[in-house]
PDB file of N, CA and C in Angstrom:
ATOM      1  N   UNK A   1       4.446  28.256  -4.166  1.00  0.00           N
ATOM      2  CA  UNK A   1       4.155  26.878  -4.400  1.00  0.00           C
ATOM      3  C   UNK A   1       5.172  25.978  -3.690  1.00  0.00           C
ATOM      4  N   UNK A   2       4.635  25.079  -2.847  1.00  0.00           N
ATOM      5  CA  UNK A   2       5.593  24.255  -2.098  1.00  0.00           C
ATOM      6  C   UNK A   2       6.030  23.062  -3.024  1.00  0.00           C
ATOM      7  N   UNK A   3       6.872  22.233  -2.465  1.00  0.00           N
ATOM      8  CA  UNK A   3       7.470  21.118  -3.240  1.00  0.00           C
ATOM      9  C   UNK A   3       6.386  20.145  -3.716  1.00  0.00           C
ATOM     10  N   UNK A   4       5.467  19.777  -2.922  1.00  0.00           N
ATOM     11  CA  UNK A   4       4.432  18.824  -3.273  1.00  0.00           C
ATOM     12  C   UNK A   4       3.606  19.366  -4.388  1.00  0.00           C
ATOM     13  N   UNK A   5       3.230  20.634  -4.303  1.00  0.00           N
ATOM     14  CA  UNK A   5       2.350  21.275  -5.378  1.00  0.00           C
ATOM     15  C   UNK A   5       3.125  21.273  -6.658  1.00  0.00           C
ATOM     16  N   UNK A   6       4.456  21.541  -6.645  1.00  0.00           N
ATOM     17  CA  UNK A   6       5.156  21.575  -7.905  1.00  0.00           C
ATOM     18  C   UNK A   6       5.283  20.275  -8.546  1.00  0.00           C
ATOM     19  N   UNK A   7       5.441  19.168  -7.694  1.00  0.00           N
ATOM     20  CA  UNK A   7       5.462  17.801  -8.273  1.00  0.00           C
ATOM     21  C   UNK A   7       4.131  17.483  -8.873  1.00  0.00           C
ATOM     22  N   UNK A   8       3.029  17.807  -8.177  1.00  0.00           N
ATOM     23  CA  UNK A   8       1.745  17.472  -8.663  1.00  0.00           C
ATOM     24  C   UNK A   8       1.352  18.248  -9.919  1.00  0.00           C
ATOM     25  N   UNK A   9       2.012  19.349 -10.148  1.00  0.00           N
ATOM     26  CA  UNK A   9       1.724  20.167 -11.334  1.00  0.00           C
ATOM     27  C   UNK A   9       2.470  19.662 -12.638  1.00  0.00           C
ATOM     28  N   UNK A  10       3.484  18.783 -12.361  1.00  0.00           N
ATOM     29  CA  UNK A  10       4.230  18.293 -13.475  1.00  0.00           C
ATOM     30  C   UNK A  10       3.333  17.419 -14.372  1.00  0.00           C
ATOM     31  N   UNK A  11       3.498  17.499 -15.647  1.00  0.00           N
ATOM     32  CA  UNK A  11       2.718  16.723 -16.585  1.00  0.00           C
ATOM     33  C   UNK A  11       2.940  15.226 -16.413  1.00  0.00           C
ATOM     34  N   UNK A  12       4.207  14.866 -16.043  1.00  0.00           N
ATOM     35  CA  UNK A  12       4.509  13.437 -15.913  1.00  0.00           C
ATOM     36  C   UNK A  12       4.039  12.802 -14.630  1.00  0.00           C
ATOM     37  N   UNK A  13       3.688  13.606 -13.669  1.00  0.00           N
ATOM     38  CA  UNK A  13       3.233  13.093 -12.351  1.00  0.00           C
ATOM     39  C   UNK A  13       1.996  12.317 -12.592  1.00  0.00           C
ATOM     40  N   UNK A  14       1.976  11.010 -12.344  1.00  0.00           N
ATOM     41  CA  UNK A  14       0.789  10.187 -12.647  1.00  0.00           C
ATOM     42  C   UNK A  14       0.595   9.106 -11.560  1.00  0.00           C
ATOM     43  N   UNK A  15      -0.066   9.438 -10.468  1.00  0.00           N
ATOM     44  CA  UNK A  15      -0.275   8.355  -9.442  1.00  0.00           C
ATOM     45  C   UNK A  15      -1.051   7.162  -9.956  1.00  0.00           C
ATOM     46  N   UNK A  16      -1.936   7.378 -10.933  1.00  0.00           N
ATOM     47  CA  UNK A  16      -2.727   6.263 -11.460  1.00  0.00           C
ATOM     48  C   UNK A  16      -1.833   5.194 -12.027  1.00  0.00           C
ATOM     49  N   UNK A  17      -0.767   5.609 -12.652  1.00  0.00           N
ATOM     50  CA  UNK A  17       0.138   4.561 -13.180  1.00  0.00           C
ATOM     51  C   UNK A  17       0.778   3.763 -12.046  1.00  0.00           C
ATOM     52  N   UNK A  18       1.174   4.385 -10.977  1.00  0.00           N
ATOM     53  CA  UNK A  18       1.769   3.701  -9.881  1.00  0.00           C
ATOM     54  C   UNK A  18       0.732   2.761  -9.178  1.00  0.00           C
ATOM     55  N   UNK A  19      -0.396   3.293  -8.925  1.00  0.00           N
ATOM     56  CA  UNK A  19      -1.451   2.492  -8.190  1.00  0.00           C
ATOM     57  C   UNK A  19      -1.828   1.324  -9.077  1.00  0.00           C
ATOM     58  N   UNK A  20      -2.043   1.549 -10.369  1.00  0.00           N
ATOM     59  CA  UNK A  20      -2.434   0.405 -11.267  1.00  0.00           C
ATOM     60  C   UNK A  20      -1.371  -0.660 -11.416  1.00  0.00           C
ATOM     61  N   UNK A  21      -0.060  -0.208 -11.398  1.00  0.00           N
ATOM     62  CA  UNK A  21       1.061  -1.184 -11.522  1.00  0.00           C
ATOM     63  C   UNK A  21       1.077  -1.970 -10.184  1.00  0.00           C
ATOM     64  N   UNK A  22       0.853  -1.377  -9.052  1.00  0.00           N
ATOM     65  CA  UNK A  22       0.827  -2.107  -7.787  1.00  0.00           C
ATOM     66  C   UNK A  22      -0.368  -3.154  -7.722  1.00  0.00           C
ATOM     67  N   UNK A  23      -1.450  -2.695  -8.235  1.00  0.00           N
ATOM     68  CA  UNK A  23      -2.662  -3.566  -8.226  1.00  0.00           C
ATOM     69  C   UNK A  23      -2.324  -4.814  -9.148  1.00  0.00           C
ATOM     70  N   UNK A  24      -1.666  -4.544 -10.302  1.00  0.00           N
ATOM     71  CA  UNK A  24      -1.370  -5.696 -11.217  1.00  0.00           C
ATOM     72  C   UNK A  24      -0.278  -6.573 -10.580  1.00  0.00           C
ATOM     73  N   UNK A  25       0.782  -5.961 -10.013  1.00  0.00           N
ATOM     74  CA  UNK A  25       1.887  -6.718  -9.447  1.00  0.00           C
ATOM     75  C   UNK A  25       1.416  -7.638  -8.333  1.00  0.00           C
ATOM     76  N   UNK A  26       0.524  -7.048  -7.459  1.00  0.00           N
ATOM     77  CA  UNK A  26       0.078  -7.828  -6.249  1.00  0.00           C
ATOM     78  C   UNK A  26      -1.182  -8.681  -6.629  1.00  0.00           C
ATOM     79  N   UNK A  27      -1.598  -8.649  -7.855  1.00  0.00           N
ATOM     80  CA  UNK A  27      -2.772  -9.435  -8.364  1.00  0.00           C
ATOM     81  C   UNK A  27      -3.995  -9.128  -7.554  1.00  0.00           C
ATOM     82  N   UNK A  28      -4.335  -7.890  -7.405  1.00  0.00           N
ATOM     83  CA  UNK A  28      -5.444  -7.408  -6.667  1.00  0.00           C
ATOM     84  C   UNK A  28      -6.540  -6.945  -7.617  1.00  0.00           C
ATOM     85  N   UNK A  29      -7.782  -6.845  -7.084  1.00  0.00           N
ATOM     86  CA  UNK A  29      -8.880  -6.458  -7.963  1.00  0.00           C
ATOM     87  C   UNK A  29      -9.165  -5.037  -8.116  1.00  0.00           C
ATOM     88  N   UNK A  30      -8.833  -4.201  -7.041  1.00  0.00           N
ATOM     89  CA  UNK A  30      -9.213  -2.812  -7.075  1.00  0.00           C
ATOM     90  C   UNK A  30      -8.507  -2.016  -6.014  1.00  0.00           C
ATOM     91  N   UNK A  31      -8.860  -0.744  -5.918  1.00  0.00           N
ATOM     92  CA  UNK A  31      -8.194   0.167  -4.928  1.00  0.00           C
ATOM     93  C   UNK A  31      -8.429  -0.222  -3.465  1.00  0.00           C
ATOM     94  N   UNK A  32      -9.686  -0.820  -3.203  1.00  0.00           N
ATOM     95  CA  UNK A  32      -9.983  -1.229  -1.905  1.00  0.00           C
ATOM     96  C   UNK A  32      -9.019  -2.371  -1.447  1.00  0.00           C
ATOM     97  N   UNK A  33      -8.815  -3.341  -2.331  1.00  0.00           N
ATOM     98  CA  UNK A  33      -7.879  -4.386  -2.050  1.00  0.00           C
ATOM     99  C   UNK A  33      -6.433  -3.890  -1.861  1.00  0.00           C
ATOM    100  N   UNK A  34      -6.064  -2.865  -2.605  1.00  0.00           N
ATOM    101  CA  UNK A  34      -4.785  -2.269  -2.502  1.00  0.00           C
ATOM    102  C   UNK A  34      -4.612  -1.597  -1.142  1.00  0.00           C
ATOM    103  N   UNK A  35      -5.667  -0.880  -0.734  1.00  0.00           N
ATOM    104  CA  UNK A  35      -5.588  -0.169   0.594  1.00  0.00           C
ATOM    105  C   UNK A  35      -5.452  -1.242   1.718  1.00  0.00           C
ATOM    106  N   UNK A  36      -6.110  -2.351   1.637  1.00  0.00           N
ATOM    107  CA  UNK A  36      -5.929  -3.436   2.603  1.00  0.00           C
ATOM    108  C   UNK A  36      -4.505  -3.998   2.583  1.00  0.00           C
ATOM    109  N   UNK A  37      -4.016  -4.232   1.391  1.00  0.00           N
ATOM    110  CA  UNK A  37      -2.628  -4.783   1.236  1.00  0.00           C
ATOM    111  C   UNK A  37      -1.597  -3.803   1.797  1.00  0.00           C
ATOM    112  N   UNK A  38      -1.791  -2.522   1.659  1.00  0.00           N
ATOM    113  CA  UNK A  38      -0.872  -1.521   2.163  1.00  0.00           C
ATOM    114  C   UNK A  38      -1.130  -1.058   3.514  1.00  0.00           C
ATOM    115  N   UNK A  39      -2.302  -1.589   4.094  1.00  0.00           N
ATOM    116  CA  UNK A  39      -2.700  -1.271   5.476  1.00  0.00           C
ATOM    117  C   UNK A  39      -2.917   0.225   5.668  1.00  0.00           C
ATOM    118  N   UNK A  40      -3.580   0.803   4.660  1.00  0.00           N
ATOM    119  CA  UNK A  40      -3.913   2.246   4.796  1.00  0.00           C
ATOM    120  C   UNK A  40      -5.415   2.385   4.550  1.00  0.00           C
ATOM    121  N   UNK A  41      -6.003   3.427   5.046  1.00  0.00           N
ATOM    122  CA  UNK A  41      -7.475   3.620   4.917  1.00  0.00           C
ATOM    123  C   UNK A  41      -7.749   3.797   3.328  1.00  0.00           C
ATOM    124  N   UNK A  42      -8.893   3.337   2.926  1.00  0.00           N
ATOM    125  CA  UNK A  42      -9.284   3.411   1.534  1.00  0.00           C
ATOM    126  C   UNK A  42      -9.308   4.906   1.004  1.00  0.00           C
ATOM    127  N   UNK A  43      -9.738   5.925   1.859  1.00  0.00           N
ATOM    128  CA  UNK A  43      -9.680   7.267   1.390  1.00  0.00           C
ATOM    129  C   UNK A  43      -8.231   7.755   1.012  1.00  0.00           C
ATOM    130  N   UNK A  44      -7.210   7.194   1.553  1.00  0.00           N
ATOM    131  CA  UNK A  44      -5.918   7.557   1.237  1.00  0.00           C
ATOM    132  C   UNK A  44      -5.624   7.210  -0.211  1.00  0.00           C
ATOM    133  N   UNK A  45      -5.959   6.064  -0.635  1.00  0.00           N
ATOM    134  CA  UNK A  45      -5.729   5.654  -1.996  1.00  0.00           C
ATOM    135  C   UNK A  45      -6.573   6.459  -2.953  1.00  0.00           C
ATOM    136  N   UNK A  46      -7.826   6.761  -2.578  1.00  0.00           N
ATOM    137  CA  UNK A  46      -8.753   7.632  -3.365  1.00  0.00           C
ATOM    138  C   UNK A  46      -8.158   8.995  -3.501  1.00  0.00           C
ATOM    139  N   UNK A  47      -7.670   9.613  -2.441  1.00  0.00           N
ATOM    140  CA  UNK A  47      -7.118  10.927  -2.506  1.00  0.00           C
ATOM    141  C   UNK A  47      -5.841  10.971  -3.377  1.00  0.00           C
ATOM    142  N   UNK A  48      -5.004   9.919  -3.311  1.00  0.00           N
ATOM    143  CA  UNK A  48      -3.790   9.930  -4.120  1.00  0.00           C
ATOM    144  C   UNK A  48      -4.208   9.836  -5.615  1.00  0.00           C
ATOM    145  N   UNK A  49      -5.191   8.954  -5.926  1.00  0.00           N
ATOM    146  CA  UNK A  49      -5.642   8.738  -7.253  1.00  0.00           C
ATOM    147  C   UNK A  49      -6.279   9.984  -7.841  1.00  0.00           C
ATOM    148  N   UNK A  50      -6.987  10.786  -7.008  1.00  0.00           N
ATOM    149  CA  UNK A  50      -7.566  11.961  -7.533  1.00  0.00           C
ATOM    150  C   UNK A  50      -6.732  13.252  -7.271  1.00  0.00           C
ATOM    151  N   UNK A  51      -5.480  12.975  -6.943  1.00  0.00           N
ATOM    152  CA  UNK A  51      -4.436  14.050  -6.847  1.00  0.00           C
ATOM    153  C   UNK A  51      -4.754  15.092  -5.790  1.00  0.00           C
ATOM    154  N   UNK A  52      -5.451  14.631  -4.723  1.00  0.00           N
ATOM    155  CA  UNK A  52      -5.694  15.553  -3.621  1.00  0.00           C
ATOM    156  C   UNK A  52      -4.652  15.296  -2.470  1.00  0.00           C
ATOM    157  N   UNK A  53      -3.900  14.217  -2.629  1.00  0.00           N
ATOM    158  CA  UNK A  53      -2.899  13.910  -1.638  1.00  0.00           C
ATOM    159  C   UNK A  53      -1.675  13.394  -2.412  1.00  0.00           C
ATOM    160  N   UNK A  54      -0.474  13.948  -2.141  1.00  0.00           N
ATOM    161  CA  UNK A  54       0.690  13.435  -2.796  1.00  0.00           C
ATOM    162  C   UNK A  54       1.120  12.075  -2.160  1.00  0.00           C
ATOM    163  N   UNK A  55       1.890  11.332  -2.937  1.00  0.00           N
ATOM    164  CA  UNK A  55       2.411  10.097  -2.395  1.00  0.00           C
ATOM    165  C   UNK A  55       3.586  10.418  -1.491  1.00  0.00           C
ATOM    166  N   UNK A  56       3.371  10.284  -0.196  1.00  0.00           N
ATOM    167  CA  UNK A  56       4.482  10.664   0.740  1.00  0.00           C
ATOM    168  C   UNK A  56       5.455   9.532   0.974  1.00  0.00           C
ATOM    169  N   UNK A  57       6.522   9.918   1.714  1.00  0.00           N
ATOM    170  CA  UNK A  57       7.589   8.978   1.970  1.00  0.00           C
ATOM    171  C   UNK A  57       7.121   7.683   2.627  1.00  0.00           C
ATOM    172  N   UNK A  58       6.241   7.836   3.681  1.00  0.00           N
ATOM    173  CA  UNK A  58       5.834   6.638   4.424  1.00  0.00           C
ATOM    174  C   UNK A  58       4.994   5.777   3.556  1.00  0.00           C
ATOM    175  N   UNK A  59       4.164   6.303   2.638  1.00  0.00           N
ATOM    176  CA  UNK A  59       3.458   5.463   1.752  1.00  0.00           C
ATOM    177  C   UNK A  59       4.323   4.733   0.723  1.00  0.00           C
ATOM    178  N   UNK A  60       5.326   5.497   0.220  1.00  0.00           N
ATOM    179  CA  UNK A  60       6.286   4.887  -0.680  1.00  0.00           C
ATOM    180  C   UNK A  60       7.032   3.723  -0.015  1.00  0.00           C
ATOM    181  N   UNK A  61       7.470   3.892   1.186  1.00  0.00           N
ATOM    182  CA  UNK A  61       8.133   2.864   1.934  1.00  0.00           C
ATOM    183  C   UNK A  61       7.252   1.649   2.077  1.00  0.00           C
ATOM    184  N   UNK A  62       6.052   1.934   2.434  1.00  0.00           N
ATOM    185  CA  UNK A  62       5.056   0.791   2.598  1.00  0.00           C
ATOM    186  C   UNK A  62       4.887   0.051   1.267  1.00  0.00           C
ATOM    187  N   UNK A  63       4.755   0.784   0.148  1.00  0.00           N
ATOM    188  CA  UNK A  63       4.630   0.163  -1.120  1.00  0.00           C
ATOM    189  C   UNK A  63       5.829  -0.742  -1.407  1.00  0.00           C
ATOM    190  N   UNK A  64       6.996  -0.158  -1.108  1.00  0.00           N
ATOM    191  CA  UNK A  64       8.266  -0.872  -1.269  1.00  0.00           C
ATOM    192  C   UNK A  64       8.229  -2.242  -0.497  1.00  0.00           C
ATOM    193  N   UNK A  65       7.831  -2.148   0.732  1.00  0.00           N
ATOM    194  CA  UNK A  65       7.770  -3.364   1.569  1.00  0.00           C
ATOM    195  C   UNK A  65       6.804  -4.427   1.014  1.00  0.00           C
ATOM    196  N   UNK A  66       5.631  -3.916   0.643  1.00  0.00           N
ATOM    197  CA  UNK A  66       4.599  -4.892   0.149  1.00  0.00           C
ATOM    198  C   UNK A  66       4.850  -5.417  -1.221  1.00  0.00           C
ATOM    199  N   UNK A  67       5.287  -4.568  -2.155  1.00  0.00           N
ATOM    200  CA  UNK A  67       5.421  -4.958  -3.589  1.00  0.00           C
ATOM    201  C   UNK A  67       6.802  -5.442  -3.947  1.00  0.00           C
ATOM    202  N   UNK A  68       7.786  -5.268  -3.007  1.00  0.00           N
ATOM    203  CA  UNK A  68       9.170  -5.663  -3.312  1.00  0.00           C
ATOM    204  C   UNK A  68       9.743  -4.949  -4.544  1.00  0.00           C
ATOM    205  N   UNK A  69       9.409  -3.636  -4.648  1.00  0.00           N
ATOM    206  CA  UNK A  69       9.976  -2.837  -5.674  1.00  0.00           C
ATOM    207  C   UNK A  69      10.844  -1.750  -4.943  1.00  0.00           C
ATOM    208  N   UNK A  70      11.867  -1.343  -5.556  1.00  0.00           N
ATOM    209  CA  UNK A  70      12.696  -0.252  -4.957  1.00  0.00           C
ATOM    210  C   UNK A  70      11.944   1.080  -4.964  1.00  0.00           C
ATOM    211  N   UNK A  71      12.348   1.902  -4.020  1.00  0.00           N
ATOM    212  CA  UNK A  71      11.730   3.229  -4.032  1.00  0.00           C
ATOM    213  C   UNK A  71      11.919   3.975  -5.310  1.00  0.00           C
ATOM    214  N   UNK A  72      13.127   3.770  -5.919  1.00  0.00           N
ATOM    215  CA  UNK A  72      13.398   4.388  -7.183  1.00  0.00           C
ATOM    216  C   UNK A  72      12.436   3.902  -8.199  1.00  0.00           C
ATOM    217  N   UNK A  73      12.184   2.618  -8.268  1.00  0.00           N
ATOM    218  CA  UNK A  73      11.254   2.098  -9.233  1.00  0.00           C
ATOM    219  C   UNK A  73       9.833   2.643  -9.039  1.00  0.00           C
ATOM    220  N   UNK A  74       9.423   2.697  -7.773  1.00  0.00           N
ATOM    221  CA  UNK A  74       8.114   3.279  -7.483  1.00  0.00           C
ATOM    222  C   UNK A  74       8.063   4.721  -7.890  1.00  0.00           C
ATOM    223  N   UNK A  75       9.129   5.532  -7.602  1.00  0.00           N
ATOM    224  CA  UNK A  75       9.104   6.892  -8.019  1.00  0.00           C
ATOM    225  C   UNK A  75       9.022   7.086  -9.574  1.00  0.00           C
ATOM    226  N   UNK A  76       9.720   6.171 -10.296  1.00  0.00           N
ATOM    227  CA  UNK A  76       9.658   6.259 -11.737  1.00  0.00           C
ATOM    228  C   UNK A  76       8.262   5.869 -12.262  1.00  0.00           C
ATOM    229  N   UNK A  77       7.605   4.934 -11.646  1.00  0.00           N
ATOM    230  CA  UNK A  77       6.205   4.607 -12.035  1.00  0.00           C
ATOM    231  C   UNK A  77       5.306   5.905 -11.710  1.00  0.00           C
ATOM    232  N   UNK A  78       5.601   6.572 -10.685  1.00  0.00           N
ATOM    233  CA  UNK A  78       4.882   7.748 -10.278  1.00  0.00           C
ATOM    234  C   UNK A  78       5.076   8.942 -11.253  1.00  0.00           C
ATOM    235  N   UNK A  79       6.289   8.910 -11.886  1.00  0.00           N
ATOM    236  CA  UNK A  79       6.632  10.033 -12.756  1.00  0.00           C
ATOM    237  C   UNK A  79       7.531  11.079 -12.066  1.00  0.00           C
ATOM    238  N   UNK A  80       8.012  10.728 -10.902  1.00  0.00           N
ATOM    239  CA  UNK A  80       8.911  11.593 -10.106  1.00  0.00           C
ATOM    240  C   UNK A  80      10.367  11.300 -10.584  1.00  0.00           C
ATOM    241  N   UNK A  81      10.934  12.151 -11.345  1.00  0.00           N
ATOM    242  CA  UNK A  81      12.290  11.900 -11.870  1.00  0.00           C
ATOM    243  C   UNK A  81      13.448  12.664 -11.202  1.00  0.00           C
ATOM    244  N   UNK A  82      13.078  13.335 -10.120  1.00  0.00           N
ATOM    245  CA  UNK A  82      14.060  14.116  -9.466  1.00  0.00           C
ATOM    246  C   UNK A  82      15.172  13.312  -8.922  1.00  0.00           C
ATOM    247  N   UNK A  83      16.420  13.806  -9.023  1.00  0.00           N
ATOM    248  CA  UNK A  83      17.583  13.071  -8.568  1.00  0.00           C
ATOM    249  C   UNK A  83      17.934  13.461  -7.058  1.00  0.00           C
ATOM    250  N   UNK A  84      17.564  14.684  -6.671  1.00  0.00           N
ATOM    251  CA  UNK A  84      17.883  15.141  -5.285  1.00  0.00           C
ATOM    252  C   UNK A  84      16.659  15.755  -4.762  1.00  0.00           C
ATOM    253  N   UNK A  85      16.593  15.721  -3.444  1.00  0.00           N
ATOM    254  CA  UNK A  85      15.415  16.370  -2.766  1.00  0.00           C
ATOM    255  C   UNK A  85      15.960  17.481  -1.949  1.00  0.00           C
ATOM    256  N   UNK A  86      15.305  18.582  -1.958  1.00  0.00           N
ATOM    257  CA  UNK A  86      15.766  19.792  -1.212  1.00  0.00           C
ATOM    258  C   UNK A  86      14.714  20.029  -0.033  1.00  0.00           C
ATOM    259  N   UNK A  87      15.205  20.364   1.094  1.00  0.00           N
ATOM    260  CA  UNK A  87      14.379  20.815   2.172  1.00  0.00           C
ATOM    261  C   UNK A  87      14.567  22.250   2.325  1.00  0.00           C
ATOM    262  N   UNK A  88      13.436  22.950   2.518  1.00  0.00           N
ATOM    263  CA  UNK A  88      13.537  24.431   2.654  1.00  0.00           C
ATOM    264  C   UNK A  88      14.240  24.740   3.935  1.00  0.00           C
ATOM    265  N   UNK A  89      14.826  25.967   3.982  1.00  0.00           N
ATOM    266  CA  UNK A  89      15.529  26.399   5.209  1.00  0.00           C
ATOM    267  C   UNK A  89      14.564  26.657   6.337  1.00  0.00           C
ATOM    268  N   UNK A  90      13.270  26.730   6.113  1.00  0.00           N
ATOM    269  CA  UNK A  90      12.306  26.905   7.222  1.00  0.00           C
ATOM    270  C   UNK A  90      11.964  25.587   7.909  1.00  0.00           C
ATOM    271  N   UNK A  91      12.020  24.495   7.161  1.00  0.00           N
ATOM    272  CA  UNK A  91      11.676  23.196   7.727  1.00  0.00           C
ATOM    273  C   UNK A  91      12.714  22.832   8.849  1.00  0.00           C
ATOM    274  N   UNK A  92      12.267  22.324   9.950  1.00  0.00           N
ATOM    275  CA  UNK A  92      13.158  21.916  10.988  1.00  0.00           C
ATOM    276  C   UNK A  92      13.501  22.958  11.991  1.00  0.00           C
ATOM    277  N   UNK A  93      13.106  24.167  11.673  1.00  0.00           N
ATOM    278  CA  UNK A  93      13.357  25.248  12.633  1.00  0.00           C
ATOM    279  C   UNK A  93      12.270  25.211  13.752  1.00  0.00           C
ATOM    280  N   UNK A  94      12.643  25.566  14.969  1.00  0.00           N
ATOM    281  CA  UNK A  94      11.622  25.657  16.050  1.00  0.00           C
ATOM    282  C   UNK A  94      10.683  26.882  15.769  1.00  0.00           C
ATOM    283  N   UNK A  95       9.439  26.706  16.043  1.00  0.00           N
ATOM    284  CA  UNK A  95       8.437  27.844  15.917  1.00  0.00           C
ATOM    285  C   UNK A  95       8.665  28.882  17.003  1.00  0.00           C
ATOM    286  N   UNK A  96       8.558  30.110  16.636  1.00  0.00           N
ATOM    287  CA  UNK A  96       8.808  31.184  17.600  1.00  0.00           C
ATOM    288  C   UNK A  96       7.546  31.439  18.392  1.00  0.00           C
TER     289      UNK A  96
END
């Protein structure tokens, strides 16, 4: 199980809470309006909401820029309470 799968398996992981909070904060009507505000394709928001795509770093940074919330606040809304992030020893190595 990779890192994203373990996060998504956590009971606290809830992208709906994050997306709904952004919609409310930005005074938007729906996910389509949120995708336009974040300048991402609508399927990205749909896949995040249906837990088929984790909230990645680039999306978190874009949310931070648009909503003026810290990345820490966004991660707390998401349910990600990790204090440290680990990269596996395989990542970053050249392929043979």
